[in-house]
């Protein structure tokens, strides 16, 4: 278990050895298909370009 809680998944995600469930703590995991993954990569690239973020630029990601 990580500091934030146990990993969990959702029904239909088909990840072995990861229980399904919800709760206030923990990390959720689920597989996505290749086309959804590629689409998100394109959106990320557009965002980085529009914000002039270049390779090697420092940045922070905050999850709340």
Protein backbone atom coordinates (compact mmCIF):
# COMPACT_ATOMS: atom_id res chain seq x y z
CA UNK A 1 0.00 0.00 0.00
CA UNK A 2 1.27 3.48 -0.85
CA UNK A 3 1.18 6.51 1.42
CA UNK A 4 -2.07 7.67 -0.24
CA UNK A 5 -3.88 4.34 0.18
CA UNK A 6 -4.32 1.09 -1.69
CA UNK A 7 -4.72 0.78 -5.45
CA UNK A 8 -8.17 -0.07 -6.69
CA UNK A 9 -9.93 -0.52 -9.98
CA UNK A 10 -13.45 -0.55 -11.40
CA UNK A 11 -15.60 -3.36 -12.71
CA UNK A 12 -14.85 -3.94 -16.38
CA UNK A 13 -11.21 -2.83 -16.15
CA UNK A 14 -9.96 -6.42 -15.98
CA UNK A 15 -6.79 -5.72 -14.01
CA UNK A 16 -5.63 -8.85 -12.18
CA UNK A 17 -4.85 -8.70 -8.46
CA UNK A 18 -6.30 -5.19 -8.03
CA UNK A 19 -9.59 -5.10 -6.10
CA UNK A 20 -12.52 -2.97 -7.26
CA UNK A 21 -13.92 -0.33 -4.95
CA UNK A 22 -14.14 3.31 -4.00
CA UNK A 23 -13.14 5.44 -1.07
CA UNK A 24 -11.58 8.73 -0.01
CA UNK A 25 -7.97 7.51 -0.32
CA UNK A 26 -6.03 5.45 -2.79
CA UNK A 27 -5.18 5.40 -6.47
CA UNK A 28 -7.52 4.22 -9.21
CA UNK A 29 -6.25 2.16 -12.14
CA UNK A 30 -7.97 1.14 -15.37
CA UNK A 31 -6.78 0.22 -18.86
CA UNK A 32 -7.70 2.48 -21.78
CA UNK A 33 -7.57 1.67 -25.47
CA UNK A 34 -4.77 2.88 -27.76
CA UNK A 35 -6.87 5.44 -29.64
CA UNK A 36 -7.95 7.14 -26.38
CA UNK A 37 -4.34 7.14 -25.19
CA UNK A 38 -3.11 8.67 -28.47
CA UNK A 39 -5.86 11.31 -28.41
CA UNK A 40 -4.86 12.40 -24.90
CA UNK A 41 -1.23 12.57 -25.96
CA UNK A 42 -2.22 14.93 -28.76
CA UNK A 43 -4.15 17.14 -26.34
CA UNK A 44 -1.18 17.24 -23.99
CA UNK A 45 1.13 18.24 -26.87
CA UNK A 46 -1.23 21.07 -27.89
CA UNK A 47 -1.32 22.33 -24.30
CA UNK A 48 2.47 22.26 -23.91
CA UNK A 49 2.92 24.15 -27.19
CA UNK A 50 0.27 26.77 -26.39
CA UNK A 51 1.93 27.40 -23.00
CA UNK A 52 5.42 27.46 -24.58
CA UNK A 53 6.63 24.60 -22.41
CA UNK A 54 9.85 23.29 -23.94
CA UNK A 55 11.80 20.08 -23.31
CA UNK A 56 13.56 20.40 -19.97
CA UNK A 57 11.33 23.20 -18.61
CA UNK A 58 10.43 22.59 -14.95
CA UNK A 59 6.77 22.35 -13.99
CA UNK A 60 4.60 21.05 -11.15
CA UNK A 61 1.56 18.81 -11.14
CA UNK A 62 -0.77 19.23 -8.17
CA UNK A 63 -3.48 16.69 -7.46
CA UNK A 64 -6.15 17.64 -4.98
